[in-house]
Amino acid sequence: MNEVSNINDFQSSPSGAEGLAGLAGHRGLYFIGIGGIGMSALARYFHSKGVRVSGYDRTLTALTQELEAEGINIHYEDNVKLIPKDVKLVVYTPAVPAAHTELQFYKTNGYTVVKRSDVLGTITKGSFNICVAGTHGKTTTSTMIAHILRDSAYGCNAFLGGISANYDTNFWSNEKDICVVEADEYDRSFLKLSPDVAIITAMDPDHLDIYGTAQEFENAFVEFAGKIKSGGCLISKFGLKRSNNFNTVKHLTYSYNNSAANAYASNITVRNEAYIFDVVAKDWMLTAVHLQMGGLHNIENAVAAISVAKYLGIEDQKIKEAVCSFRGVKRRFEYILKEDNHILIDDYAHHPEELKALINGVRSLFKKRLVIIFQPHLYTRTKDQADGFAEVLNMADEVILLPIYPARELPIEGVNSEMILEKMTLKDKHVLSKEDMKHWVRKAQPELLVMAGAGDIDALVEPVKEILLEQ
């Protein structure tokens, strides 16, 4: 049986939570790439339904260890001898190489093999869905929306692309048939979803290895907006390039501080390294909103989340209390150290616009010399965005570039971190190995240090913290 017919069979299965869990039955599911943030959320979903779940990942991480502690069996070697042969469904992420031995075994031996996006699309087929898409901002915005719904007792199921600091998970369930979903544009995955409310935070070109051109990338977001169910609503960042192409009856816009948008922030002040602001809309206003997480861009994300909550009819005071108690997302402007002599911030930023927002956010809160350690993610992204990375990194006082994290890619000749370095005009800039970077930190003892990237730089955060604490 080929993969396409398997997917068709799978998608004709019962929709919604109980239907799909029932389909898996006692034979269970196997996840290839189970340690991915989206994959682990799905694994936790099925595990919560009593389905037998197991999986493979190439790397032992804190997240895979958490899954194992929850009762999910995981191995870390691509070895057919280690895989279960009696599973009902095999789920894989597109980040897994096509030649992966286990994946090929399941595909060529009659198993139902489906992408993560197919599973998520089927789970949410019959629910009320709030889907958050965008090149950047989608993880924080979706997590904030889900937190507001949970904290206010409105209720929701959440499939998130990051670990909520409030709940230390990327998934939770609720008896209400309402889902908050991070809508991932990679591999066109978000086109499998059926939003009732769709949020688009940004459309800056990315994943051009998949889409080819910036226009084709934008076309996918236009198509995503077209997936909104009849009677639904689109909430998009004000000023998006293709907003005139969004074909939907109800379309609201939001902004950081542009009063031409349907909702925007006003009277922004900083107090004790937190933000206080009003949210002004055409027919409502929310005053004195407290946001405890750093980054001016997160004020804009909060405006988007608050706009969704107001659209759903949640009470003003409950919204304000929820935003005030929101602790953010791990690796999104996350404080690792916050002391008088050392501030260490960890962030997932891996696109020039994300780095720009991160730097502006740090500058808005601290008047110290800013050092950034950045690990480029993917050869293709580095090749496509090298000029943008160089321009943005020049905004720091000193930059250390680590070697490129390849993820799913093979090297591209001539594409490396030096490619960014050579385009930078900043005086204090270096390309260092991971070990040399640690030696540099030990010697330099920077007061304000930001570590950014979507690769394995997160594994270096704790060692760097310990080095700083040694002093």
Protein backbone atom coordinates (compact mmCIF):
# COMPACT_ATOMS: atom_id res chain seq x y z
CA MET A 1 0.00 0.00 0.00
CA ASN A 2 1.51 3.39 -0.92
CA GLU A 3 1.66 6.39 1.34
CA VAL A 4 -0.91 8.50 -0.53
CA SER A 5 -3.68 5.93 -0.20
CA ASN A 6 -2.77 5.50 3.45
CA ILE A 7 -3.25 9.21 4.04
CA ASN A 8 -6.58 9.12 2.24
CA ASP A 9 -7.73 6.22 4.40
CA PHE A 10 -6.53 8.04 7.48
CA GLN A 11 -8.28 11.30 6.62
CA SER A 12 -11.58 9.51 6.03
CA SER A 13 -11.42 8.21 9.60
CA PRO A 14 -13.62 9.64 12.38
CA SER A 15 -12.71 13.25 13.14
CA GLY A 16 -12.16 14.81 16.52
CA ALA A 17 -10.43 13.64 19.66
CA GLU A 18 -12.32 10.48 20.50
CA GLY A 19 -12.64 9.28 16.91
CA LEU A 20 -8.95 9.34 16.18
CA ALA A 21 -7.93 7.92 19.54
CA GLY A 22 -10.40 5.09 18.90
CA LEU A 23 -8.92 4.53 15.46
CA ALA A 24 -5.49 4.01 16.99
CA GLY A 25 -6.96 1.45 19.37
CA HIS A 26 -4.84 -0.83 21.53
CA ARG A 27 -2.20 -1.18 18.81
CA GLY A 28 -1.10 2.39 19.37
CA LEU A 29 0.96 4.97 17.51
CA TYR A 30 4.64 5.33 16.69
CA PHE A 31 6.21 8.79 16.25
CA ILE A 32 9.36 9.29 14.18
CA GLY A 33 10.87 12.52 15.47
CA ILE A 34 8.86 12.42 18.70
CA GLY A 35 11.13 15.01 20.36
CA GLY A 36 10.01 17.80 18.02
CA ILE A 37 7.88 20.43 19.69
CA GLY A 38 4.83 19.78 17.49
CA MET A 39 5.27 16.02 17.50
CA SER A 40 5.59 15.85 21.29
CA ALA A 41 2.32 17.77 21.69
CA LEU A 42 0.54 15.16 19.56
CA ALA A 43 2.23 12.32 21.45
CA ARG A 44 1.01 13.82 24.72
CA TYR A 45 -2.49 14.19 23.27
CA PHE A 46 -2.78 10.50 22.37
CA HIS A 47 -1.10 9.42 25.61
CA SER A 48 -3.71 11.45 27.54
CA LYS A 49 -6.41 9.47 25.72
CA GLY A 50 -4.98 6.17 26.95
CA VAL A 51 -3.45 5.23 23.60
CA ARG A 52 -0.15 3.34 23.61
CA VAL A 53 2.49 5.76 22.30
CA SER A 54 6.16 5.18 21.50
CA GLY A 55 8.70 6.83 19.28
CA TYR A 56 12.17 7.59 17.97
CA ASP A 57 14.29 10.71 18.14
CA ARG A 58 17.93 11.12 17.23
CA THR A 59 18.75 13.16 20.35
CA LEU A 60 18.08 12.76 24.05
CA THR A 61 16.74 16.10 25.29
CA ALA A 62 14.97 17.49 28.34
CA LEU A 63 11.70 17.20 26.40
CA THR A 64 12.18 13.55 25.43
CA GLN A 65 13.14 12.77 29.02
CA GLU A 66 9.87 14.38 30.15
CA LEU A 67 7.94 12.23 27.66
CA GLU A 68 9.69 9.11 28.97
CA ALA A 69 8.88 10.12 32.55
CA GLU A 70 5.22 10.42 31.50
CA GLY A 71 5.30 6.77 30.35
CA ILE A 72 6.16 7.04 26.65
CA ASN A 73 8.82 4.63 25.38
CA ILE A 74 11.51 6.32 23.24
CA HIS A 75 14.72 5.10 21.65
CA TYR A 76 17.51 7.12 20.02
CA GLU A 77 18.93 4.86 17.34
CA ASP A 78 17.56 4.53 13.79
CA ASN A 79 17.20 0.77 14.05
CA VAL A 80 14.36 -1.36 12.67
CA LYS A 81 15.05 -3.97 15.35
CA LEU A 82 13.95 -1.49 18.03
CA ILE A 83 10.62 -0.41 16.54
CA PRO A 84 7.16 -1.84 17.36
CA LYS A 85 5.70 -3.91 14.52
CA ASP A 86 2.07 -3.92 15.71
CA VAL A 87 1.26 -0.19 15.57
CA LYS A 88 -1.87 1.16 13.88
CA LEU A 89 -0.48 4.55 12.82
CA VAL A 90 3.01 5.85 12.16
CA VAL A 91 3.40 9.64 12.41
CA TYR A 92 6.48 11.46 11.13
CA THR A 93 7.71 15.00 10.86
CA PRO A 94 8.93 16.38 7.50
CA ALA A 95 12.20 17.24 9.28
CA VAL A 96 13.05 13.51 9.22
CA PRO A 97 15.18 12.60 6.16
CA ALA A 98 13.33 10.63 3.48
CA ALA A 99 15.99 7.91 3.66
CA HIS A 100 15.41 7.30 7.38
CA THR A 101 15.55 3.51 7.86
CA GLU A 102 12.56 3.19 10.19
CA LEU A 103 10.43 5.49 8.05
CA GLN A 104 11.26 3.48 4.93
CA PHE A 105 10.43 0.21 6.70
CA TYR A 106 6.98 1.37 7.68
CA LYS A 107 6.27 2.89 4.24
CA THR A 108 7.25 -0.26 2.35
CA ASN A 109 5.51 -2.76 4.63
CA GLY A 110 1.88 -1.69 4.45
CA TYR A 111 1.65 0.53 7.51
CA THR A 112 -0.45 3.68 7.63
CA VAL A 113 2.21 6.40 7.53
CA VAL A 114 1.10 10.03 7.87
CA LYS A 115 2.60 13.45 8.46
CA ARG A 116 2.13 15.31 11.71
CA SER A 117 0.02 17.92 9.91
CA ASP A 118 -2.45 15.25 8.73
CA VAL A 119 -2.97 14.05 12.29
CA LEU A 120 -3.45 17.55 13.69
CA GLY A 121 -5.84 18.40 10.87
CA THR A 122 -7.92 15.30 11.59
CA ILE A 123 -7.98 15.85 15.36
CA THR A 124 -9.30 19.38 14.90
CA LYS A 125 -11.65 18.62 12.01
CA GLY A 126 -14.79 18.84 14.13
CA SER A 127 -13.73 21.36 16.81
CA PHE A 128 -13.84 25.15 17.15
CA ASN A 129 -10.31 26.14 16.21
CA ILE A 130 -8.24 29.22 16.97
CA CYS A 131 -5.22 28.87 14.68
CA VAL A 132 -2.20 31.16 14.95
CA ALA A 133 0.12 31.45 11.93
CA GLY A 134 3.06 33.68 11.10
CA THR A 135 6.77 33.65 10.34
CA HIS A 136 7.37 34.82 13.90
CA GLY A 137 5.27 35.61 16.95
CA LYS A 138 2.99 32.62 16.56
CA THR A 139 4.33 30.61 19.51
CA THR A 140 4.05 33.39 22.07
CA THR A 141 0.70 34.57 20.69
CA SER A 142 -0.87 31.10 20.61
CA THR A 143 0.45 30.31 24.09
CA MET A 144 -0.88 33.60 25.45
CA ILE A 145 -4.30 32.99 23.88
CA ALA A 146 -4.42 29.47 25.31
CA HIS A 147 -3.37 30.79 28.73
CA ILE A 148 -6.08 33.47 28.70
CA LEU A 149 -8.71 30.87 27.81
CA ARG A 150 -7.46 28.48 30.49
CA ASP A 151 -6.89 31.08 33.21
CA SER A 152 -10.29 32.71 32.64
CA ALA A 153 -12.05 29.29 32.77
CA TYR A 154 -13.25 29.73 29.17
CA GLY A 155 -11.43 26.47 28.47
CA CYS A 156 -9.52 25.03 25.54
CA ASN A 157 -7.30 22.26 24.28
CA ALA A 158 -3.85 23.55 23.35
CA PHE A 159 -1.35 22.31 20.73
CA LEU A 160 1.57 24.69 21.08
CA GLY A 161 4.95 25.18 19.42
CA GLY A 162 6.74 25.98 22.66
CA ILE A 163 6.73 25.06 26.33
CA SER A 164 4.39 27.29 28.32
CA ALA A 165 6.25 28.62 31.37
CA ASN A 166 2.97 28.72 33.31
CA TYR A 167 2.21 25.02 32.87
CA ASP A 168 5.56 23.52 31.78
CA THR A 169 4.00 21.78 28.77
CA ASN A 170 3.13 22.32 25.11
CA PHE A 171 -0.19 20.47 25.33
CA TRP A 172 -3.23 20.38 27.57
CA SER A 173 -6.75 19.07 27.22
CA ASN A 174 -10.17 20.30 28.24
CA GLU A 175 -13.68 18.92 28.03
CA LYS A 176 -14.71 21.77 25.72
CA ASP A 177 -14.36 21.13 21.99
CA ILE A 178 -12.22 24.25 21.51
CA CYS A 179 -8.62 24.06 20.26
CA VAL A 180 -5.85 26.64 20.20
CA VAL A 181 -3.35 25.51 17.57
CA GLU A 182 -0.02 26.87 16.46
CA ALA A 183 -0.31 26.79 12.67
CA ASP A 184 3.11 25.95 11.23
CA GLU A 185 3.85 27.18 7.70
CA TYR A 186 6.77 24.79 7.16
CA ASP A 187 5.94 22.19 4.49
CA ARG A 188 2.55 23.96 4.06
CA SER A 189 1.37 22.14 7.20
CA PHE A 190 -1.07 24.89 8.23
CA LEU A 191 -3.14 24.34 5.09
CA LYS A 192 -4.47 21.11 6.67
CA LEU A 193 -6.26 23.11 9.40
CA SER A 194 -9.82 24.45 9.51
CA PRO A 195 -9.81 27.69 11.54
CA ASP A 196 -12.85 29.38 13.05
CA VAL A 197 -10.56 32.19 14.15
CA ALA A 198 -7.26 32.63 12.32
CA ILE A 199 -4.44 34.93 13.41
CA ILE A 200 -1.60 35.92 11.07
CA THR A 201 1.27 37.60 12.90
CA ALA A 202 3.82 38.03 10.08
CA MET A 203 4.54 36.98 6.50
CA ASP A 204 8.26 37.71 6.15
CA PRO A 205 9.63 35.16 3.65
CA ASP A 206 11.15 32.01 5.12
CA HIS A 207 11.48 28.32 4.20
CA LEU A 208 12.32 29.23 0.62
CA ASP A 209 13.72 25.72 0.24
CA ILE A 210 10.07 24.66 0.34
CA TYR A 211 8.31 27.60 -1.33
CA GLY A 212 10.90 28.76 -3.86
CA THR A 213 9.93 32.44 -3.91
CA ALA A 214 8.67 35.06 -1.48
CA GLN A 215 5.47 35.40 -3.51
CA GLU A 216 4.73 31.67 -3.26
CA PHE A 217 5.36 31.86 0.49
CA GLU A 218 2.86 34.72 0.78
CA ASN A 219 0.38 32.84 -1.42
CA ALA A 220 0.29 30.08 1.19
CA PHE A 221 -0.81 32.56 3.87
CA VAL A 222 -3.52 33.89 1.57
CA GLU A 223 -4.66 30.31 1.09
CA PHE A 224 -4.56 29.75 4.87
CA ALA A 225 -6.84 32.76 5.38
CA GLY A 226 -9.17 31.22 2.82
CA LYS A 227 -9.50 28.12 5.03
CA ILE A 228 -11.49 30.04 7.67
CA LYS A 229 -14.91 28.51 8.17
CA SER A 230 -18.08 30.36 7.19
CA GLY A 231 -18.90 32.92 9.90
CA GLY A 232 -15.32 32.90 11.20
CA CYS A 233 -12.88 35.74 11.72
CA LEU A 234 -9.38 36.68 10.57
CA ILE A 235 -7.22 38.78 12.91
CA SER A 236 -4.01 39.89 11.21
CA LYS A 237 -1.16 42.25 11.94
CA PHE A 238 -1.85 45.67 10.46
CA GLY A 239 0.03 46.43 7.26
CA LEU A 240 0.76 42.92 6.03
CA LYS A 241 1.86 43.03 2.40
CA ARG A 242 -0.93 40.87 0.96
CA SER A 243 -3.78 41.88 3.31
CA ASN A 244 -5.90 43.03 0.36
CA ASN A 245 -5.92 39.44 -0.86
CA PHE A 246 -7.42 38.06 2.34
CA ASN A 247 -10.86 36.95 1.26
CA THR A 248 -12.87 36.76 4.45
CA VAL A 249 -16.05 38.46 5.62
CA LYS A 250 -14.83 39.50 9.08
CA HIS A 251 -11.27 40.80 9.16
CA LEU A 252 -9.78 42.68 12.12
CA THR A 253 -6.27 44.10 12.36
CA TYR A 254 -3.95 44.76 15.30
CA SER A 255 -0.74 46.69 15.79
CA TYR A 256 1.93 47.58 18.31
CA ASN A 257 1.02 51.27 18.23
CA ASN A 258 -0.51 52.20 14.85
CA SER A 259 -3.88 53.86 15.53
CA ALA A 260 -5.10 52.94 12.03
CA ALA A 261 -5.44 49.31 13.17
CA ASN A 262 -8.63 47.93 14.73
CA ALA A 263 -6.71 47.40 17.99
CA TYR A 264 -3.39 48.84 19.15
CA ALA A 265 -1.36 49.58 22.30
CA SER A 266 -1.21 53.06 23.77
CA ASN A 267 0.31 54.80 26.82
CA ILE A 268 3.15 52.26 27.04
CA THR A 269 5.38 52.59 30.09
CA VAL A 270 8.10 50.45 31.65
CA ARG A 271 8.00 49.68 35.37
CA ASN A 272 10.26 47.16 37.11
CA GLU A 273 11.25 45.69 33.73
CA ALA A 274 7.59 45.00 32.86
CA TYR A 275 5.25 46.83 30.49
CA ILE A 276 2.03 48.64 31.35
CA PHE A 277 -0.21 49.80 28.50
CA ASP A 278 -3.76 50.33 27.27
CA VAL A 279 -5.30 48.47 24.34
CA VAL A 280 -7.47 50.76 22.24
CA ALA A 281 -10.02 49.39 19.74
CA LYS A 282 -12.81 50.91 17.67
CA ASP A 283 -15.55 49.95 20.11
CA TRP A 284 -13.72 48.95 23.32
CA MET A 285 -10.73 49.80 25.47
CA LEU A 286 -8.73 47.81 28.01
CA THR A 287 -6.74 50.01 30.37
CA ALA A 288 -3.65 49.37 32.50
CA VAL A 289 -2.72 45.97 31.07
CA HIS A 290 0.36 44.52 32.81
CA LEU A 291 2.70 42.30 30.78
CA GLN A 292 5.50 40.72 32.79
CA MET A 293 7.55 39.34 29.88
CA GLY A 294 10.16 41.43 28.06
CA GLY A 295 10.26 42.53 24.44
CA LEU A 296 8.29 45.34 22.80
CA HIS A 297 7.18 42.82 20.18
CA ASN A 298 5.41 40.91 22.94
CA ILE A 299 3.19 43.94 23.57
CA GLU A 300 2.02 43.51 19.98
CA ASN A 301 1.54 39.77 20.54
CA ALA A 302 -0.53 40.63 23.62
CA VAL A 303 -2.71 42.99 21.57
CA ALA A 304 -3.41 40.10 19.18
CA ALA A 305 -4.22 37.69 22.03
CA ILE A 306 -6.44 40.25 23.75
CA SER A 307 -8.27 40.89 20.47
CA VAL A 308 -9.07 37.17 20.25
CA ALA A 309 -10.28 37.10 23.86
CA LYS A 310 -12.51 40.13 23.28
CA TYR A 311 -13.90 38.51 20.09
CA LEU A 312 -14.79 35.44 22.18
CA GLY A 313 -16.54 37.61 24.77
CA ILE A 314 -14.24 36.99 27.74
CA GLU A 315 -14.66 39.56 30.54
CA ASP A 316 -12.18 42.44 30.67
CA GLN A 317 -10.98 41.80 34.21
CA LYS A 318 -10.36 38.12 33.50
CA ILE A 319 -8.34 39.07 30.41
CA LYS A 320 -6.21 41.54 32.39
CA GLU A 321 -5.59 39.06 35.20
CA ALA A 322 -4.58 36.38 32.71
CA VAL A 323 -2.17 38.63 30.80
CA CYS A 324 -0.63 39.80 34.08
CA SER A 325 -0.04 36.20 35.21
CA PHE A 326 1.36 35.09 31.83
CA ARG A 327 4.95 33.98 32.35
CA GLY A 328 5.76 33.54 28.69
CA VAL A 329 7.20 30.66 26.71
CA LYS A 330 10.47 28.90 27.36
CA ARG A 331 13.17 30.17 25.00
CA ARG A 332 11.10 33.28 24.11
CA PHE A 333 12.80 36.21 25.86
CA GLU A 334 13.39 33.84 28.77
CA TYR A 335 15.41 35.18 31.69
CA ILE A 336 18.01 32.58 32.69
CA LEU A 337 19.86 34.98 34.99
CA LYS A 338 18.60 38.33 36.23
CA GLU A 339 21.07 39.78 38.71
CA ASP A 340 22.82 43.11 39.19
CA ASN A 341 26.06 41.99 37.57
CA HIS A 342 24.73 39.44 35.06
CA ILE A 343 21.63 39.25 32.86
CA LEU A 344 21.33 36.19 30.60
CA ILE A 345 18.42 35.94 28.16
CA ASP A 346 17.66 32.90 26.00
CA ASP A 347 15.55 33.24 22.84
CA TYR A 348 14.50 31.08 19.90
CA ALA A 349 15.00 33.91 17.35
CA HIS A 350 16.30 32.47 14.09
CA HIS A 351 15.09 34.95 11.44
CA PRO A 352 16.42 38.51 10.96
CA GLU A 353 13.09 40.10 11.90
CA GLU A 354 12.93 38.01 15.07
CA LEU A 355 16.47 39.04 16.02
CA LYS A 356 15.59 42.68 15.35
CA ALA A 357 12.56 42.47 17.63
CA LEU A 358 14.63 40.69 20.28
CA ILE A 359 17.38 43.33 20.25
CA ASN A 360 14.88 46.20 20.34
CA GLY A 361 13.13 44.53 23.25
CA VAL A 362 16.37 44.13 25.21
CA ARG A 363 17.37 47.72 24.48
CA SER A 364 13.97 48.96 25.75
CA LEU A 365 14.62 47.42 29.17
CA PHE A 366 18.38 47.59 29.76
CA LYS A 367 21.02 50.28 29.31
CA LYS A 368 24.02 47.95 29.30
CA ARG A 369 26.54 46.74 26.73
CA LEU A 370 24.75 44.06 24.73
CA VAL A 371 26.54 40.88 23.67
CA ILE A 372 24.73 38.35 21.45
CA ILE A 373 25.71 34.72 20.88
CA PHE A 374 23.84 33.60 17.76
CA GLN A 375 23.69 30.16 16.16
CA PRO A 376 22.42 30.33 12.55
CA HIS A 377 19.81 27.66 11.77
CA LEU A 378 19.87 25.91 8.38
CA TYR A 379 22.23 26.43 5.47
CA THR A 380 19.40 27.52 3.17
CA ARG A 381 18.12 30.17 5.58
CA THR A 382 21.65 31.48 6.11
CA LYS A 383 22.19 31.70 2.33
CA ASP A 384 18.84 33.45 1.76
CA GLN A 385 19.02 35.82 4.73
CA ALA A 386 22.74 36.51 5.23
CA ASP A 387 22.42 40.23 4.45
CA GLY A 388 19.50 40.58 6.84
CA PHE A 389 21.29 38.73 9.64
CA ALA A 390 24.38 40.93 9.22
CA GLU A 391 22.38 44.16 9.26
CA VAL A 392 20.42 43.22 12.39
CA LEU A 393 23.36 41.80 14.33
CA ASN A 394 25.16 45.13 13.80
CA MET A 395 22.63 46.54 16.29
CA ALA A 396 24.44 44.74 19.15
CA ASP A 397 27.67 45.88 20.79
CA GLU A 398 29.44 42.55 20.29
CA VAL A 399 28.46 39.37 18.43
CA ILE A 400 29.67 35.79 18.63
CA LEU A 401 28.53 33.51 15.82
CA LEU A 402 28.50 29.77 16.35
CA PRO A 403 28.74 27.36 13.39
CA ILE A 404 25.50 26.77 11.47
CA TYR A 405 23.12 24.19 12.93
CA PRO A 406 22.18 22.03 9.91
CA ALA A 407 19.03 20.32 11.27
CA ARG A 408 17.65 18.34 8.32
CA GLU A 409 20.04 19.78 5.70
CA LEU A 410 23.32 18.79 4.09
CA PRO A 411 26.05 21.45 3.84
CA ILE A 412 25.99 23.95 0.98
CA GLU A 413 29.41 24.89 -0.40
CA GLY A 414 30.44 28.39 0.64
CA VAL A 415 27.61 28.81 3.15
CA ASN A 416 28.82 29.15 6.73
CA SER A 417 28.74 31.56 9.67
CA GLU A 418 31.71 33.45 8.22
CA MET A 419 29.35 34.45 5.40
CA ILE A 420 27.37 36.55 7.89
CA LEU A 421 30.48 37.81 9.70
CA GLU A 422 32.04 39.19 6.51
CA LYS A 423 28.91 41.23 5.77
CA MET A 424 28.83 42.82 9.25
CA THR A 425 30.30 46.27 9.90
CA LEU A 426 30.41 45.82 13.68
CA LYS A 427 33.93 45.96 15.10
CA ASP A 428 33.59 43.34 17.86
CA LYS A 429 32.51 40.18 16.05
CA HIS A 430 33.76 36.59 16.13
CA VAL A 431 33.01 33.09 14.82
CA LEU A 432 33.79 30.64 17.60
CA SER A 433 33.29 26.95 18.28
CA LYS A 434 31.07 26.03 21.21
CA GLU A 435 34.05 25.34 23.45
CA ASP A 436 35.86 28.54 22.47
CA MET A 437 32.66 30.46 23.13
CA LYS A 438 32.57 29.14 26.70
CA HIS A 439 36.20 30.21 27.22
CA TRP A 440 35.30 33.67 25.87
CA VAL A 441 32.38 34.00 28.30
CA ARG A 442 34.57 32.93 31.23
CA LYS A 443 37.13 35.59 30.33
CA ALA A 444 34.83 38.44 29.27
CA GLN A 445 32.10 38.04 31.93
CA PRO A 446 29.51 40.06 29.95
CA GLU A 447 26.90 41.92 32.00
CA LEU A 448 24.13 41.61 29.39
CA LEU A 449 24.25 38.44 27.32
CA VAL A 450 21.62 37.15 24.88
CA MET A 451 21.81 33.64 23.41
CA ALA A 452 19.65 33.14 20.32
CA GLY A 453 18.91 30.45 17.75
CA ALA A 454 16.67 27.50 16.91
CA GLY A 455 19.30 24.75 16.85
CA ASP A 456 21.02 23.12 19.81
CA ILE A 457 22.23 26.38 21.36
CA ASP A 458 19.70 25.81 24.14
CA ALA A 459 21.95 23.01 25.42
CA LEU A 460 24.67 25.61 25.99
CA VAL A 461 22.53 27.97 28.06
CA GLU A 462 22.93 26.19 31.40
CA PRO A 463 26.72 25.77 31.01
CA VAL A 464 27.02 29.49 30.21
CA LYS A 465 24.87 30.30 33.23
CA GLU A 466 27.17 28.23 35.46
CA ILE A 467 30.23 30.00 34.04
CA LEU A 468 28.70 33.38 34.89
CA LEU A 469 27.72 32.21 38.37
CA GLU A 470 31.28 31.03 39.05
CA GLN A 471 32.25 34.69 39.39
